[in-house]
Amino acid sequence: LAIYRLNYLKYRGRVLTATSLDDIIAYVAEFSHEEAMLIGGNGQDAIINIQERIKLISEKLS
């Protein structure tokens, strides 16, 4: 559904589809140098889980 909406809005940026939390974390690591990144998806619980994983990874790197 989101892809159809982006097409309707004539969005021409890069869109990656993740099928697991591990995919999302890998994308964040790969594109962390980018100016901006939007992670959207399957509800607030999924977003909170992503945030917690990213926080754990960043704490281990510090």
PDB file of N, CA and C in Angstrom:
ATOM      1  N   LEU A   1       0.824  -1.194   0.000  1.00  0.00           N
ATOM      2  CA  LEU A   1       0.000   0.000   0.000  1.00  0.00           C
ATOM      3  C   LEU A   1       0.868   1.257   0.000  1.00  0.00           C
ATOM      4  N   ALA A   2       1.917   1.258   0.793  1.00  0.00           N
ATOM      5  CA  ALA A   2       2.786   2.433   0.871  1.00  0.00           C
ATOM      6  C   ALA A   2       3.463   2.715  -0.462  1.00  0.00           C
ATOM      7  N   ILE A   3       3.871   1.675  -1.172  1.00  0.00           N
ATOM      8  CA  ILE A   3       4.522   1.848  -2.475  1.00  0.00           C
ATOM      9  C   ILE A   3       3.568   2.530  -3.453  1.00  0.00           C
ATOM     10  N   TYR A   4       2.301   2.137  -3.444  1.00  0.00           N
ATOM     11  CA  TYR A   4       1.316   2.760  -4.328  1.00  0.00           C
ATOM     12  C   TYR A   4       1.160   4.244  -4.001  1.00  0.00           C
ATOM     13  N   ARG A   5       1.153   4.546  -2.729  1.00  0.00           N
ATOM     14  CA  ARG A   5       1.025   5.952  -2.311  1.00  0.00           C
ATOM     15  C   ARG A   5       2.245   6.753  -2.754  1.00  0.00           C
ATOM     16  N   LEU A   6       3.424   6.211  -2.576  1.00  0.00           N
ATOM     17  CA  LEU A   6       4.641   6.905  -3.012  1.00  0.00           C
ATOM     18  C   LEU A   6       4.636   7.125  -4.522  1.00  0.00           C
ATOM     19  N   ASN A   7       4.194   6.133  -5.269  1.00  0.00           N
ATOM     20  CA  ASN A   7       4.088   6.294  -6.720  1.00  0.00           C
ATOM     21  C   ASN A   7       3.092   7.390  -7.079  1.00  0.00           C
ATOM     22  N   TYR A   8       1.964   7.406  -6.394  1.00  0.00           N
ATOM     23  CA  TYR A   8       0.951   8.431  -6.632  1.00  0.00           C
ATOM     24  C   TYR A   8       1.513   9.827  -6.373  1.00  0.00           C
ATOM     25  N   LEU A   9       2.341   9.952  -5.350  1.00  0.00           N
ATOM     26  CA  LEU A   9       2.956  11.239  -5.006  1.00  0.00           C
ATOM     27  C   LEU A   9       4.176  11.548  -5.868  1.00  0.00           C
ATOM     28  N   LYS A  10       4.483  10.641  -6.787  1.00  0.00           N
ATOM     29  CA  LYS A  10       5.619  10.788  -7.700  1.00  0.00           C
ATOM     30  C   LYS A  10       6.958  10.868  -6.967  1.00  0.00           C
ATOM     31  N   TYR A  11       7.044  10.119  -5.873  1.00  0.00           N
ATOM     32  CA  TYR A  11       8.296  10.037  -5.124  1.00  0.00           C
ATOM     33  C   TYR A  11       9.327   9.312  -5.972  1.00  0.00           C
ATOM     34  N   ARG A  12      10.515   9.883  -6.088  1.00  0.00           N
ATOM     35  CA  ARG A  12      11.556   9.296  -6.926  1.00  0.00           C
ATOM     36  C   ARG A  12      12.794   8.889  -6.128  1.00  0.00           C
ATOM     37  N   GLY A  13      12.697   8.901  -4.824  1.00  0.00           N
ATOM     38  CA  GLY A  13      13.827   8.501  -3.991  1.00  0.00           C
ATOM     39  C   GLY A  13      13.947   6.987  -3.912  1.00  0.00           C
ATOM     40  N   ARG A  14      14.884   6.566  -3.130  1.00  0.00           N
ATOM     41  CA  ARG A  14      15.153   5.139  -2.957  1.00  0.00           C
ATOM     42  C   ARG A  14      14.177   4.548  -1.939  1.00  0.00           C
ATOM     43  N   VAL A  15      13.622   3.398  -2.248  1.00  0.00           N
ATOM     44  CA  VAL A  15      12.716   2.691  -1.343  1.00  0.00           C
ATOM     45  C   VAL A  15      13.239   1.272  -1.177  1.00  0.00           C
ATOM     46  N   LEU A  16      13.480   0.883   0.060  1.00  0.00           N
ATOM     47  CA  LEU A  16      13.916  -0.479   0.366  1.00  0.00           C
ATOM     48  C   LEU A  16      12.841  -1.136   1.220  1.00  0.00           C
ATOM     49  N   THR A  17      12.585  -2.385   0.969  1.00  0.00           N
ATOM     50  CA  THR A  17      11.596  -3.121   1.739  1.00  0.00           C
ATOM     51  C   THR A  17      12.313  -4.165   2.583  1.00  0.00           C
ATOM     52  N   ALA A  18      12.062  -4.117   3.871  1.00  0.00           N
ATOM     53  CA  ALA A  18      12.663  -5.076   4.801  1.00  0.00           C
ATOM     54  C   ALA A  18      11.613  -6.113   5.183  1.00  0.00           C
ATOM     55  N   THR A  19      12.067  -7.327   5.389  1.00  0.00           N
ATOM     56  CA  THR A  19      11.148  -8.389   5.796  1.00  0.00           C
ATOM     57  C   THR A  19      11.391  -8.845   7.229  1.00  0.00           C
ATOM     58  N   SER A  20      12.401  -8.254   7.869  1.00  0.00           N
ATOM     59  CA  SER A  20      12.681  -8.623   9.259  1.00  0.00           C
ATOM     60  C   SER A  20      13.340  -7.446   9.973  1.00  0.00           C
ATOM     61  N   LEU A  21      13.350  -7.525  11.271  1.00  0.00           N
ATOM     62  CA  LEU A  21      14.011  -6.502  12.074  1.00  0.00           C
ATOM     63  C   LEU A  21      15.502  -6.465  11.765  1.00  0.00           C
ATOM     64  N   ASP A  22      16.095  -7.618  11.547  1.00  0.00           N
ATOM     65  CA  ASP A  22      17.519  -7.673  11.196  1.00  0.00           C
ATOM     66  C   ASP A  22      17.802  -6.931   9.892  1.00  0.00           C
ATOM     67  N   ASP A  23      16.898  -7.041   8.914  1.00  0.00           N
ATOM     68  CA  ASP A  23      17.052  -6.290   7.663  1.00  0.00           C
ATOM     69  C   ASP A  23      17.066  -4.791   7.928  1.00  0.00           C
ATOM     70  N   ILE A  24      16.154  -4.342   8.769  1.00  0.00           N
ATOM     71  CA  ILE A  24      16.060  -2.913   9.066  1.00  0.00           C
ATOM     72  C   ILE A  24      17.329  -2.423   9.739  1.00  0.00           C
ATOM     73  N   ILE A  25      17.819  -3.169  10.714  1.00  0.00           N
ATOM     74  CA  ILE A  25      19.046  -2.784  11.411  1.00  0.00           C
ATOM     75  C   ILE A  25      20.211  -2.732  10.424  1.00  0.00           C
ATOM     76  N   ALA A  26      20.268  -3.677   9.517  1.00  0.00           N
ATOM     77  CA  ALA A  26      21.333  -3.675   8.500  1.00  0.00           C
ATOM     78  C   ALA A  26      21.219  -2.451   7.598  1.00  0.00           C
ATOM     79  N   TYR A  27      20.008  -2.078   7.209  1.00  0.00           N
ATOM     80  CA  TYR A  27      19.815  -0.875   6.391  1.00  0.00           C
ATOM     81  C   TYR A  27      20.260   0.368   7.149  1.00  0.00           C
ATOM     82  N   VAL A  28      19.904   0.449   8.419  1.00  0.00           N
ATOM     83  CA  VAL A  28      20.301   1.608   9.224  1.00  0.00           C
ATOM     84  C   VAL A  28      21.818   1.703   9.281  1.00  0.00           C
ATOM     85  N   ALA A  29      22.484   0.590   9.502  1.00  0.00           N
ATOM     86  CA  ALA A  29      23.949   0.601   9.543  1.00  0.00           C
ATOM     87  C   ALA A  29      24.528   1.010   8.193  1.00  0.00           C
ATOM     88  N   GLU A  30      23.975   0.476   7.124  1.00  0.00           N
ATOM     89  CA  GLU A  30      24.494   0.755   5.783  1.00  0.00           C
ATOM     90  C   GLU A  30      24.301   2.212   5.372  1.00  0.00           C
ATOM     91  N   PHE A  31      23.183   2.801   5.752  1.00  0.00           N
ATOM     92  CA  PHE A  31      22.858   4.145   5.289  1.00  0.00           C
ATOM     93  C   PHE A  31      22.950   5.199   6.388  1.00  0.00           C
ATOM     94  N   SER A  32      23.632   4.896   7.471  1.00  0.00           N
ATOM     95  CA  SER A  32      23.711   5.838   8.594  1.00  0.00           C
ATOM     96  C   SER A  32      24.423   7.130   8.223  1.00  0.00           C
ATOM     97  N   HIS A  33      25.196   7.122   7.152  1.00  0.00           N
ATOM     98  CA  HIS A  33      25.891   8.333   6.711  1.00  0.00           C
ATOM     99  C   HIS A  33      24.980   9.271   5.921  1.00  0.00           C
ATOM    100  N   GLU A  34      23.807   8.813   5.547  1.00  0.00           N
ATOM    101  CA  GLU A  34      22.881   9.642   4.773  1.00  0.00           C
ATOM    102  C   GLU A  34      22.322  10.764   5.640  1.00  0.00           C
ATOM    103  N   GLU A  35      21.928  11.829   4.988  1.00  0.00           N
ATOM    104  CA  GLU A  35      21.389  12.989   5.705  1.00  0.00           C
ATOM    105  C   GLU A  35      20.075  12.661   6.406  1.00  0.00           C
ATOM    106  N   ALA A  36      19.231  11.883   5.758  1.00  0.00           N
ATOM    107  CA  ALA A  36      17.928  11.557   6.341  1.00  0.00           C
ATOM    108  C   ALA A  36      17.507  10.152   5.927  1.00  0.00           C
ATOM    109  N   MET A  37      16.699   9.557   6.790  1.00  0.00           N
ATOM    110  CA  MET A  37      16.210   8.207   6.530  1.00  0.00           C
ATOM    111  C   MET A  37      14.845   8.100   7.207  1.00  0.00           C
ATOM    112  N   LEU A  38      13.891   7.496   6.541  1.00  0.00           N
ATOM    113  CA  LEU A  38      12.566   7.290   7.115  1.00  0.00           C
ATOM    114  C   LEU A  38      12.336   5.794   7.248  1.00  0.00           C
ATOM    115  N   ILE A  39      11.981   5.397   8.451  1.00  0.00           N
ATOM    116  CA  ILE A  39      11.616   3.997   8.680  1.00  0.00           C
ATOM    117  C   ILE A  39      10.145   4.002   9.057  1.00  0.00           C
ATOM    118  N   GLY A  40       9.335   3.405   8.239  1.00  0.00           N
ATOM    119  CA  GLY A  40       7.904   3.349   8.504  1.00  0.00           C
ATOM    120  C   GLY A  40       7.450   1.913   8.408  1.00  0.00           C
ATOM    121  N   GLY A  41       6.278   1.655   8.919  1.00  0.00           N
ATOM    122  CA  GLY A  41       5.874   0.272   8.754  1.00  0.00           C
ATOM    123  C   GLY A  41       4.742  -0.198   9.602  1.00  0.00           C
ATOM    124  N   ASN A  42       5.000  -1.256  10.303  1.00  0.00           N
ATOM    125  CA  ASN A  42       3.952  -2.080  10.883  1.00  0.00           C
ATOM    126  C   ASN A  42       3.530  -1.669  12.286  1.00  0.00           C
ATOM    127  N   GLY A  43       3.432  -0.405  12.535  1.00  0.00           N
ATOM    128  CA  GLY A  43       2.903   0.035  13.806  1.00  0.00           C
ATOM    129  C   GLY A  43       3.951   0.468  14.808  1.00  0.00           C
ATOM    130  N   GLN A  44       3.474   1.071  15.866  1.00  0.00           N
ATOM    131  CA  GLN A  44       4.329   1.669  16.879  1.00  0.00           C
ATOM    132  C   GLN A  44       5.214   0.643  17.578  1.00  0.00           C
ATOM    133  N   ASP A  45       4.703  -0.539  17.854  1.00  0.00           N
ATOM    134  CA  ASP A  45       5.514  -1.561  18.531  1.00  0.00           C
ATOM    135  C   ASP A  45       6.749  -1.922  17.718  1.00  0.00           C
ATOM    136  N   ALA A  46       6.585  -2.034  16.415  1.00  0.00           N
ATOM    137  CA  ALA A  46       7.730  -2.352  15.554  1.00  0.00           C
ATOM    138  C   ALA A  46       8.751  -1.223  15.584  1.00  0.00           C
ATOM    139  N   ILE A  47       8.293   0.017  15.542  1.00  0.00           N
ATOM    140  CA  ILE A  47       9.198   1.169  15.567  1.00  0.00           C
ATOM    141  C   ILE A  47       9.952   1.220  16.895  1.00  0.00           C
ATOM    142  N   ILE A  48       9.271   0.979  17.996  1.00  0.00           N
ATOM    143  CA  ILE A  48       9.924   0.974  19.310  1.00  0.00           C
ATOM    144  C   ILE A  48      10.981  -0.122  19.369  1.00  0.00           C
ATOM    145  N   ASN A  49      10.677  -1.287  18.849  1.00  0.00           N
ATOM    146  CA  ASN A  49      11.637  -2.391  18.822  1.00  0.00           C
ATOM    147  C   ASN A  49      12.872  -2.009  18.012  1.00  0.00           C
ATOM    148  N   ILE A  50      12.674  -1.365  16.880  1.00  0.00           N
ATOM    149  CA  ILE A  50      13.795  -0.900  16.054  1.00  0.00           C
ATOM    150  C   ILE A  50      14.643   0.090  16.833  1.00  0.00           C
ATOM    151  N   GLN A  51      14.000   1.054  17.482  1.00  0.00           N
ATOM    152  CA  GLN A  51      14.731   2.060  18.260  1.00  0.00           C
ATOM    153  C   GLN A  51      15.560   1.412  19.362  1.00  0.00           C
ATOM    154  N   GLU A  52      14.992   0.439  20.039  1.00  0.00           N
ATOM    155  CA  GLU A  52      15.717  -0.233  21.123  1.00  0.00           C
ATOM    156  C   GLU A  52      16.937  -0.980  20.596  1.00  0.00           C
ATOM    157  N   ARG A  53      16.788  -1.651  19.457  1.00  0.00           N
ATOM    158  CA  ARG A  53      17.929  -2.369  18.862  1.00  0.00           C
ATOM    159  C   ARG A  53      19.027  -1.406  18.441  1.00  0.00           C
ATOM    160  N   ILE A  54      18.645  -0.290  17.824  1.00  0.00           N
ATOM    161  CA  ILE A  54      19.637   0.701  17.396  1.00  0.00           C
ATOM    162  C   ILE A  54      20.354   1.287  18.607  1.00  0.00           C
ATOM    163  N   LYS A  55      19.617   1.551  19.672  1.00  0.00           N
ATOM    164  CA  LYS A  55      20.228   2.083  20.891  1.00  0.00           C
ATOM    165  C   LYS A  55      21.243   1.093  21.463  1.00  0.00           C
ATOM    166  N   LEU A  56      20.887  -0.183  21.524  1.00  0.00           N
ATOM    167  CA  LEU A  56      21.818  -1.207  22.020  1.00  0.00           C
ATOM    168  C   LEU A  56      23.091  -1.260  21.182  1.00  0.00           C
ATOM    169  N   ILE A  57      22.938  -1.230  19.878  1.00  0.00           N
ATOM    170  CA  ILE A  57      24.100  -1.274  18.990  1.00  0.00           C
ATOM    171  C   ILE A  57      24.980  -0.053  19.199  1.00  0.00           C
ATOM    172  N   SER A  58      24.370   1.123  19.298  1.00  0.00           N
ATOM    173  CA  SER A  58      25.166   2.345  19.466  1.00  0.00           C
ATOM    174  C   SER A  58      25.872   2.367  20.821  1.00  0.00           C
ATOM    175  N   GLU A  59      25.248   1.810  21.857  1.00  0.00           N
ATOM    176  CA  GLU A  59      25.897   1.747  23.170  1.00  0.00           C
ATOM    177  C   GLU A  59      27.101   0.814  23.137  1.00  0.00           C
ATOM    178  N   LYS A  60      26.998  -0.275  22.392  1.00  0.00           N
ATOM    179  CA  LYS A  60      28.123  -1.205  22.280  1.00  0.00           C
ATOM    180  C   LYS A  60      29.283  -0.588  21.517  1.00  0.00           C
ATOM    181  N   LEU A  61      28.989   0.316  20.598  1.00  0.00           N
ATOM    182  CA  LEU A  61      30.034   0.967  19.807  1.00  0.00           C
ATOM    183  C   LEU A  61      30.707   2.113  20.555  1.00  0.00           C
ATOM    184  N   SER A  62      30.060   2.599  21.602  1.00  0.00           N
ATOM    185  CA  SER A  62      30.604   3.748  22.357  1.00  0.00           C
ATOM    186  C   SER A  62      31.646   3.326  23.359  1.00  0.00           C
TER     187      SER A  62
END
